[in-house]
Amino acid sequence: MTELHEGNGADRDRPSNLAKNEKLVWETLAVTGEPLKAYEILDKLKETGVRAPMTVYRALEGLESKGHIHKLDGLNSFVLCTHEGPHAVQTFLVCEGCSTVKELEVLAVEADITPAVRAANFDMHTARLEIKGTCISCAQTS
């Protein structure tokens, strides 16, 4: 079973367990609604007095460890998690045309990966699958 999670994070309620800088970073990602690099987040937060890159990196680390955001390795960017609560298996559709990202919940992938990883005596923290291609909007304009 596959479920597509769409929409930007601005439609969601901000998590309540966030530190001050985590709130700022979460809100920046929510309002933007698109993947942002750490320095792009820093640029957007300069008006709030956040000027140190390490402040943003610590906030991103905290948000990721709490399961509220995900890092997209291929884009070196961050997006809000569209699921309820943390999850170890993360799947994304990444448009190579417009860089939009949609998070998928693919239960079969998680169901297959988890036992295989355990059988290999490996302690999995995260499995991230980034599927690159073209979104319907970009396909229609080509």
N, C-alpha and C. Protein backbone atom coordinates (compact mmCIF):
# COMPACT_ATOMS: atom_id res chain seq x y z
N MET A 1 0.84 -1.18 0.00
CA MET A 1 0.00 0.00 0.00
C MET A 1 0.88 1.24 0.00
N THR A 2 0.52 2.21 -0.81
CA THR A 2 1.27 3.45 -0.92
C THR A 2 0.34 4.61 -0.64
N GLU A 3 0.80 5.53 0.17
CA GLU A 3 0.01 6.72 0.46
C GLU A 3 0.86 7.93 0.12
N LEU A 4 0.27 8.88 -0.60
CA LEU A 4 0.97 10.09 -0.99
C LEU A 4 0.60 11.20 -0.03
N HIS A 5 1.61 11.84 0.53
CA HIS A 5 1.40 12.97 1.44
C HIS A 5 1.77 14.23 0.70
N GLU A 6 0.79 15.09 0.48
CA GLU A 6 1.05 16.32 -0.26
C GLU A 6 0.77 17.53 0.60
N GLY A 7 1.04 18.68 0.00
CA GLY A 7 0.77 19.94 0.69
C GLY A 7 2.00 20.41 1.42
N ASN A 8 2.00 21.68 1.75
CA ASN A 8 3.16 22.17 2.49
C ASN A 8 2.87 22.14 3.97
N GLY A 9 3.89 22.30 4.74
CA GLY A 9 3.79 22.19 6.18
C GLY A 9 3.04 23.32 6.84
N ALA A 10 2.79 24.41 6.11
CA ALA A 10 2.08 25.53 6.70
C ALA A 10 0.66 25.14 7.09
N ASP A 11 0.14 24.06 6.50
CA ASP A 11 -1.19 23.57 6.83
C ASP A 11 -1.19 22.77 8.13
N ARG A 12 -0.03 22.43 8.62
CA ARG A 12 0.09 21.58 9.80
C ARG A 12 0.32 22.41 11.04
N ASP A 13 -0.04 21.84 12.18
CA ASP A 13 0.26 22.49 13.45
C ASP A 13 1.72 22.25 13.81
N ARG A 14 2.36 23.29 14.31
CA ARG A 14 3.76 23.15 14.72
C ARG A 14 3.82 22.21 15.91
N PRO A 15 4.78 21.30 15.91
CA PRO A 15 4.96 20.41 17.07
C PRO A 15 5.20 21.23 18.34
N SER A 16 4.78 20.70 19.46
CA SER A 16 4.88 21.45 20.72
C SER A 16 6.20 21.25 21.46
N ASN A 17 6.97 20.24 21.10
CA ASN A 17 8.17 19.91 21.86
C ASN A 17 9.45 20.51 21.28
N LEU A 18 9.37 21.74 20.75
CA LEU A 18 10.51 22.33 20.07
C LEU A 18 11.18 23.42 20.89
N ALA A 19 12.50 23.47 20.79
CA ALA A 19 13.27 24.57 21.37
C ALA A 19 13.06 25.81 20.50
N LYS A 20 13.48 26.97 20.99
CA LYS A 20 13.25 28.24 20.30
C LYS A 20 13.75 28.22 18.85
N ASN A 21 15.00 27.84 18.64
CA ASN A 21 15.57 27.85 17.29
C ASN A 21 14.95 26.75 16.41
N GLU A 22 14.56 25.64 17.02
CA GLU A 22 13.87 24.60 16.26
C GLU A 22 12.53 25.13 15.75
N LYS A 23 11.83 25.91 16.57
CA LYS A 23 10.57 26.52 16.14
C LYS A 23 10.79 27.43 14.94
N LEU A 24 11.84 28.25 15.01
CA LEU A 24 12.13 29.17 13.90
C LEU A 24 12.43 28.41 12.61
N VAL A 25 13.23 27.38 12.70
CA VAL A 25 13.59 26.60 11.52
C VAL A 25 12.37 25.85 10.99
N TRP A 26 11.60 25.24 11.90
CA TRP A 26 10.39 24.51 11.48
C TRP A 26 9.43 25.44 10.75
N GLU A 27 9.21 26.63 11.32
CA GLU A 27 8.29 27.59 10.71
C GLU A 27 8.80 28.07 9.35
N THR A 28 10.10 28.23 9.21
CA THR A 28 10.68 28.63 7.92
C THR A 28 10.41 27.57 6.87
N LEU A 29 10.63 26.31 7.21
CA LEU A 29 10.34 25.22 6.28
C LEU A 29 8.85 25.13 5.98
N ALA A 30 8.02 25.34 7.00
CA ALA A 30 6.56 25.25 6.81
C ALA A 30 6.05 26.34 5.88
N VAL A 31 6.51 27.56 6.08
CA VAL A 31 6.04 28.68 5.27
C VAL A 31 6.54 28.54 3.83
N THR A 32 7.78 28.13 3.67
CA THR A 32 8.36 28.00 2.33
C THR A 32 7.69 26.86 1.57
N GLY A 33 7.48 25.74 2.26
CA GLY A 33 6.83 24.60 1.63
C GLY A 33 7.65 23.89 0.57
N GLU A 34 8.95 24.11 0.57
CA GLU A 34 9.84 23.45 -0.40
C GLU A 34 11.14 23.11 0.29
N PRO A 35 11.93 22.24 -0.31
CA PRO A 35 13.22 21.89 0.29
C PRO A 35 14.13 23.11 0.40
N LEU A 36 14.79 23.23 1.54
CA LEU A 36 15.73 24.33 1.75
C LEU A 36 17.05 23.80 2.26
N LYS A 37 18.15 24.38 1.79
CA LYS A 37 19.48 24.07 2.30
C LYS A 37 19.67 24.84 3.61
N ALA A 38 20.60 24.41 4.41
CA ALA A 38 20.84 25.05 5.71
C ALA A 38 21.13 26.55 5.57
N TYR A 39 21.94 26.91 4.57
CA TYR A 39 22.27 28.32 4.41
C TYR A 39 21.10 29.14 3.88
N GLU A 40 20.21 28.51 3.14
CA GLU A 40 18.98 29.20 2.72
C GLU A 40 18.10 29.49 3.93
N ILE A 41 18.05 28.54 4.84
CA ILE A 41 17.29 28.75 6.09
C ILE A 41 17.93 29.87 6.88
N LEU A 42 19.24 29.85 6.99
CA LEU A 42 19.96 30.91 7.71
C LEU A 42 19.65 32.28 7.11
N ASP A 43 19.67 32.39 5.80
CA ASP A 43 19.35 33.67 5.14
C ASP A 43 17.95 34.15 5.52
N LYS A 44 17.00 33.23 5.57
CA LYS A 44 15.62 33.60 5.90
C LYS A 44 15.47 33.97 7.38
N LEU A 45 16.37 33.48 8.22
CA LEU A 45 16.27 33.73 9.66
C LEU A 45 17.09 34.92 10.15
N LYS A 46 17.86 35.53 9.29
CA LYS A 46 18.72 36.64 9.72
C LYS A 46 17.91 37.77 10.35
N GLU A 47 16.70 38.01 9.86
CA GLU A 47 15.85 39.06 10.42
C GLU A 47 15.48 38.78 11.87
N THR A 48 15.48 37.51 12.26
CA THR A 48 15.12 37.14 13.64
C THR A 48 16.31 37.18 14.58
N GLY A 49 17.48 37.50 14.05
CA GLY A 49 18.68 37.57 14.88
C GLY A 49 19.55 36.34 14.80
N VAL A 50 19.11 35.31 14.08
CA VAL A 50 19.92 34.10 13.92
C VAL A 50 20.95 34.38 12.84
N ARG A 51 22.24 34.35 13.22
CA ARG A 51 23.30 34.66 12.28
C ARG A 51 24.37 33.57 12.18
N ALA A 52 24.37 32.64 13.11
CA ALA A 52 25.41 31.61 13.13
C ALA A 52 24.93 30.33 12.44
N PRO A 53 25.69 29.84 11.47
CA PRO A 53 25.31 28.59 10.81
C PRO A 53 25.11 27.43 11.80
N MET A 54 25.94 27.36 12.83
CA MET A 54 25.82 26.26 13.80
C MET A 54 24.47 26.28 14.51
N THR A 55 23.88 27.45 14.69
CA THR A 55 22.56 27.54 15.31
C THR A 55 21.53 26.82 14.44
N VAL A 56 21.61 27.04 13.14
CA VAL A 56 20.68 26.39 12.21
C VAL A 56 20.96 24.89 12.16
N TYR A 57 22.23 24.51 12.07
CA TYR A 57 22.57 23.08 12.02
C TYR A 57 22.11 22.34 13.27
N ARG A 58 22.28 22.95 14.44
CA ARG A 58 21.80 22.31 15.68
C ARG A 58 20.29 22.15 15.68
N ALA A 59 19.59 23.18 15.22
CA ALA A 59 18.13 23.12 15.15
C ALA A 59 17.69 22.04 14.17
N LEU A 60 18.35 21.96 13.03
CA LEU A 60 18.03 20.93 12.04
C LEU A 60 18.28 19.54 12.62
N GLU A 61 19.37 19.38 13.31
CA GLU A 61 19.69 18.09 13.93
C GLU A 61 18.62 17.71 14.95
N GLY A 62 18.21 18.66 15.77
CA GLY A 62 17.17 18.40 16.76
C GLY A 62 15.84 18.05 16.12
N LEU A 63 15.45 18.79 15.09
CA LEU A 63 14.19 18.51 14.39
C LEU A 63 14.22 17.15 13.71
N GLU A 64 15.37 16.81 13.13
CA GLU A 64 15.48 15.50 12.47
C GLU A 64 15.44 14.36 13.48
N SER A 65 16.11 14.52 14.60
CA SER A 65 16.11 13.46 15.61
C SER A 65 14.73 13.26 16.24
N LYS A 66 13.91 14.31 16.25
CA LYS A 66 12.54 14.21 16.78
C LYS A 66 11.56 13.74 15.71
N GLY A 67 12.03 13.58 14.48
CA GLY A 67 11.18 13.07 13.41
C GLY A 67 10.29 14.11 12.76
N HIS A 68 10.61 15.39 12.92
CA HIS A 68 9.77 16.45 12.36
C HIS A 68 10.21 16.91 10.98
N ILE A 69 11.45 16.61 10.61
CA ILE A 69 11.96 16.96 9.28
C ILE A 69 12.78 15.80 8.75
N HIS A 70 13.07 15.86 7.45
CA HIS A 70 13.95 14.88 6.81
C HIS A 70 15.00 15.61 6.00
N LYS A 71 16.17 15.02 5.92
CA LYS A 71 17.22 15.53 5.03
C LYS A 71 17.12 14.78 3.72
N LEU A 72 17.16 15.52 2.64
CA LEU A 72 17.20 14.93 1.31
C LEU A 72 18.66 14.96 0.86
N ASP A 73 19.29 13.81 0.88
CA ASP A 73 20.72 13.74 0.58
C ASP A 73 21.04 14.22 -0.84
N GLY A 74 20.22 13.84 -1.80
CA GLY A 74 20.48 14.20 -3.19
C GLY A 74 20.42 15.70 -3.44
N LEU A 75 19.61 16.41 -2.68
CA LEU A 75 19.48 17.87 -2.83
C LEU A 75 20.24 18.62 -1.73
N ASN A 76 20.77 17.90 -0.75
CA ASN A 76 21.41 18.50 0.41
C ASN A 76 20.49 19.56 1.04
N SER A 77 19.21 19.18 1.16
CA SER A 77 18.18 20.08 1.66
C SER A 77 17.33 19.38 2.70
N PHE A 78 16.45 20.16 3.32
CA PHE A 78 15.59 19.65 4.37
C PHE A 78 14.14 19.96 4.04
N VAL A 79 13.24 19.05 4.43
CA VAL A 79 11.80 19.22 4.25
C VAL A 79 11.09 18.77 5.52
N LEU A 80 9.88 19.28 5.71
CA LEU A 80 9.07 18.82 6.83
C LEU A 80 8.60 17.40 6.58
N CYS A 81 8.50 16.63 7.64
CA CYS A 81 7.93 15.29 7.56
C CYS A 81 6.42 15.44 7.45
N THR A 82 5.81 14.67 6.56
CA THR A 82 4.36 14.75 6.39
C THR A 82 3.63 13.61 7.08
N HIS A 83 4.34 12.81 7.85
CA HIS A 83 3.74 11.71 8.59
C HIS A 83 3.51 12.11 10.04
N GLU A 84 2.73 11.32 10.70
CA GLU A 84 2.55 11.48 12.14
C GLU A 84 3.65 10.69 12.83
N GLY A 85 4.52 11.35 13.53
CA GLY A 85 5.55 10.68 14.31
C GLY A 85 6.73 10.22 13.47
N PRO A 86 7.84 9.93 14.14
CA PRO A 86 9.06 9.50 13.45
C PRO A 86 8.88 8.14 12.77
N HIS A 87 9.63 7.93 11.70
CA HIS A 87 9.61 6.65 11.00
C HIS A 87 10.99 6.43 10.38
N ALA A 88 11.40 5.19 10.37
CA ALA A 88 12.76 4.86 9.93
C ALA A 88 12.90 4.78 8.42
N VAL A 89 11.85 4.38 7.72
CA VAL A 89 11.92 4.23 6.27
C VAL A 89 11.24 5.44 5.63
N GLN A 90 12.02 6.19 4.86
CA GLN A 90 11.54 7.43 4.25
C GLN A 90 11.66 7.31 2.74
N THR A 91 10.58 7.68 2.02
CA THR A 91 10.57 7.60 0.57
C THR A 91 10.07 8.92 -0.01
N PHE A 92 10.81 9.44 -0.99
CA PHE A 92 10.49 10.74 -1.58
C PHE A 92 10.48 10.68 -3.09
N LEU A 93 9.57 11.44 -3.71
CA LEU A 93 9.58 11.69 -5.14
C LEU A 93 10.22 13.06 -5.33
N VAL A 94 11.29 13.14 -6.09
CA VAL A 94 12.01 14.40 -6.31
C VAL A 94 11.96 14.73 -7.79
N CYS A 95 11.31 15.86 -8.13
CA CYS A 95 11.24 16.27 -9.53
C CYS A 95 12.55 16.94 -9.93
N GLU A 96 13.15 16.44 -10.99
CA GLU A 96 14.41 17.01 -11.47
C GLU A 96 14.19 18.31 -12.24
N GLY A 97 12.93 18.60 -12.59
CA GLY A 97 12.64 19.83 -13.31
C GLY A 97 12.46 21.02 -12.38
N CYS A 98 11.58 20.88 -11.39
CA CYS A 98 11.24 22.01 -10.53
C CYS A 98 11.68 21.82 -9.08
N SER A 99 12.29 20.70 -8.77
CA SER A 99 12.80 20.38 -7.42
C SER A 99 11.71 20.24 -6.37
N THR A 100 10.45 20.03 -6.79
CA THR A 100 9.43 19.75 -5.78
C THR A 100 9.68 18.37 -5.20
N VAL A 101 9.25 18.19 -3.97
CA VAL A 101 9.44 16.92 -3.28
C VAL A 101 8.11 16.52 -2.66
N LYS A 102 7.77 15.26 -2.83
CA LYS A 102 6.58 14.69 -2.19
C LYS A 102 7.04 13.48 -1.41
N GLU A 103 6.58 13.37 -0.18
CA GLU A 103 6.92 12.22 0.65
C GLU A 103 5.86 11.15 0.47
N LEU A 104 6.31 9.92 0.29
CA LEU A 104 5.42 8.77 0.16
C LEU A 104 5.52 7.91 1.40
N GLU A 105 4.43 7.25 1.73
CA GLU A 105 4.46 6.23 2.77
C GLU A 105 4.23 4.91 2.04
N VAL A 106 5.29 4.15 1.88
CA VAL A 106 5.21 2.89 1.16
C VAL A 106 5.38 1.77 2.18
N LEU A 107 4.27 1.26 2.65
CA LEU A 107 4.30 0.27 3.72
C LEU A 107 5.01 -1.01 3.31
N ALA A 108 4.90 -1.40 2.05
CA ALA A 108 5.55 -2.62 1.59
C ALA A 108 7.06 -2.50 1.66
N VAL A 109 7.59 -1.33 1.36
CA VAL A 109 9.04 -1.13 1.43
C VAL A 109 9.51 -1.31 2.87
N GLU A 110 8.82 -0.66 3.80
CA GLU A 110 9.18 -0.79 5.21
C GLU A 110 9.04 -2.23 5.68
N ALA A 111 7.96 -2.89 5.26
CA ALA A 111 7.72 -4.28 5.68
C ALA A 111 8.80 -5.21 5.16
N ASP A 112 9.35 -4.94 3.98
CA ASP A 112 10.41 -5.79 3.42
C ASP A 112 11.79 -5.46 3.97
N ILE A 113 12.08 -4.18 4.13
CA ILE A 113 13.41 -3.77 4.56
C ILE A 113 13.69 -4.14 6.02
N THR A 114 12.76 -3.88 6.89
CA THR A 114 13.00 -4.07 8.33
C THR A 114 13.43 -5.50 8.68
N PRO A 115 12.72 -6.53 8.25
CA PRO A 115 13.17 -7.89 8.60
C PRO A 115 14.50 -8.26 7.93
N ALA A 116 14.73 -7.77 6.71
CA ALA A 116 16.00 -8.08 6.02
C ALA A 116 17.17 -7.47 6.77
N VAL A 117 16.98 -6.26 7.27
CA VAL A 117 18.05 -5.58 8.02
C VAL A 117 18.31 -6.32 9.33
N ARG A 118 17.24 -6.70 10.01
CA ARG A 118 17.41 -7.46 11.27
C ARG A 118 18.12 -8.78 11.02
N ALA A 119 17.76 -9.48 9.94
CA ALA A 119 18.39 -10.77 9.62
C ALA A 119 19.88 -10.61 9.35
N ALA A 120 20.27 -9.43 8.90
CA ALA A 120 21.69 -9.16 8.65
C ALA A 120 22.41 -8.67 9.89
N ASN A 121 21.71 -8.72 11.05
CA ASN A 121 22.27 -8.27 12.32
C ASN A 121 22.79 -6.85 12.24
N PHE A 122 21.94 -5.98 11.71
CA PHE A 122 22.30 -4.57 11.54
C PHE A 122 21.26 -3.72 12.24
N ASP A 123 21.73 -2.68 12.93
CA ASP A 123 20.84 -1.77 13.65
C ASP A 123 20.56 -0.56 12.76
N MET A 124 19.44 -0.58 12.05
CA MET A 124 19.09 0.49 11.11
C MET A 124 18.55 1.70 11.87
N HIS A 125 19.06 2.86 11.52
CA HIS A 125 18.54 4.11 12.06
C HIS A 125 17.59 4.75 11.07
N THR A 126 18.00 4.78 9.81
CA THR A 126 17.19 5.39 8.76
C THR A 126 17.46 4.72 7.43
N ALA A 127 16.42 4.53 6.65
CA ALA A 127 16.53 4.11 5.26
C ALA A 127 15.81 5.19 4.45
N ARG A 128 16.52 5.78 3.51
CA ARG A 128 15.95 6.89 2.75
C ARG A 128 16.06 6.58 1.26
N LEU A 129 14.91 6.59 0.60
CA LEU A 129 14.85 6.34 -0.83
C LEU A 129 14.37 7.60 -1.52
N GLU A 130 15.20 8.14 -2.42
CA GLU A 130 14.84 9.33 -3.18
C GLU A 130 14.65 8.91 -4.63
N ILE A 131 13.42 9.00 -5.09
CA ILE A 131 13.07 8.61 -6.45
C ILE A 131 13.04 9.86 -7.31
N LYS A 132 13.97 9.94 -8.25
CA LYS A 132 14.09 11.13 -9.10
C LYS A 132 13.38 10.91 -10.42
N GLY A 133 12.72 11.97 -10.89
CA GLY A 133 12.00 11.89 -12.15
C GLY A 133 11.36 13.23 -12.45
N THR A 134 10.19 13.18 -13.09
CA THR A 134 9.51 14.40 -13.51
C THR A 134 8.08 14.42 -12.98
N CYS A 135 7.72 15.50 -12.33
CA CYS A 135 6.35 15.63 -11.82
C CYS A 135 5.39 15.90 -12.97
N ILE A 136 4.11 15.76 -12.73
CA ILE A 136 3.11 15.94 -13.77
C ILE A 136 3.12 17.36 -14.35
N SER A 137 3.35 18.35 -13.50
CA SER A 137 3.39 19.74 -13.98
C SER A 137 4.52 19.96 -14.98
N CYS A 138 5.70 19.46 -14.64
CA CYS A 138 6.85 19.61 -15.54
C CYS A 138 6.66 18.77 -16.81
N ALA A 139 6.06 17.60 -16.69
CA ALA A 139 5.83 16.73 -17.85
C ALA A 139 4.88 17.39 -18.83
N GLN A 140 3.90 18.13 -18.33
CA GLN A 140 2.92 18.78 -19.20
C GLN A 140 3.50 19.99 -19.92
N THR A 141 4.54 20.61 -19.36
CA THR A 141 5.13 21.79 -19.99
C THR A 141 6.28 21.42 -20.92
N SER A 142 6.64 20.15 -20.97
CA SER A 142 7.75 19.71 -21.83
C SER A 142 7.30 19.51 -23.24
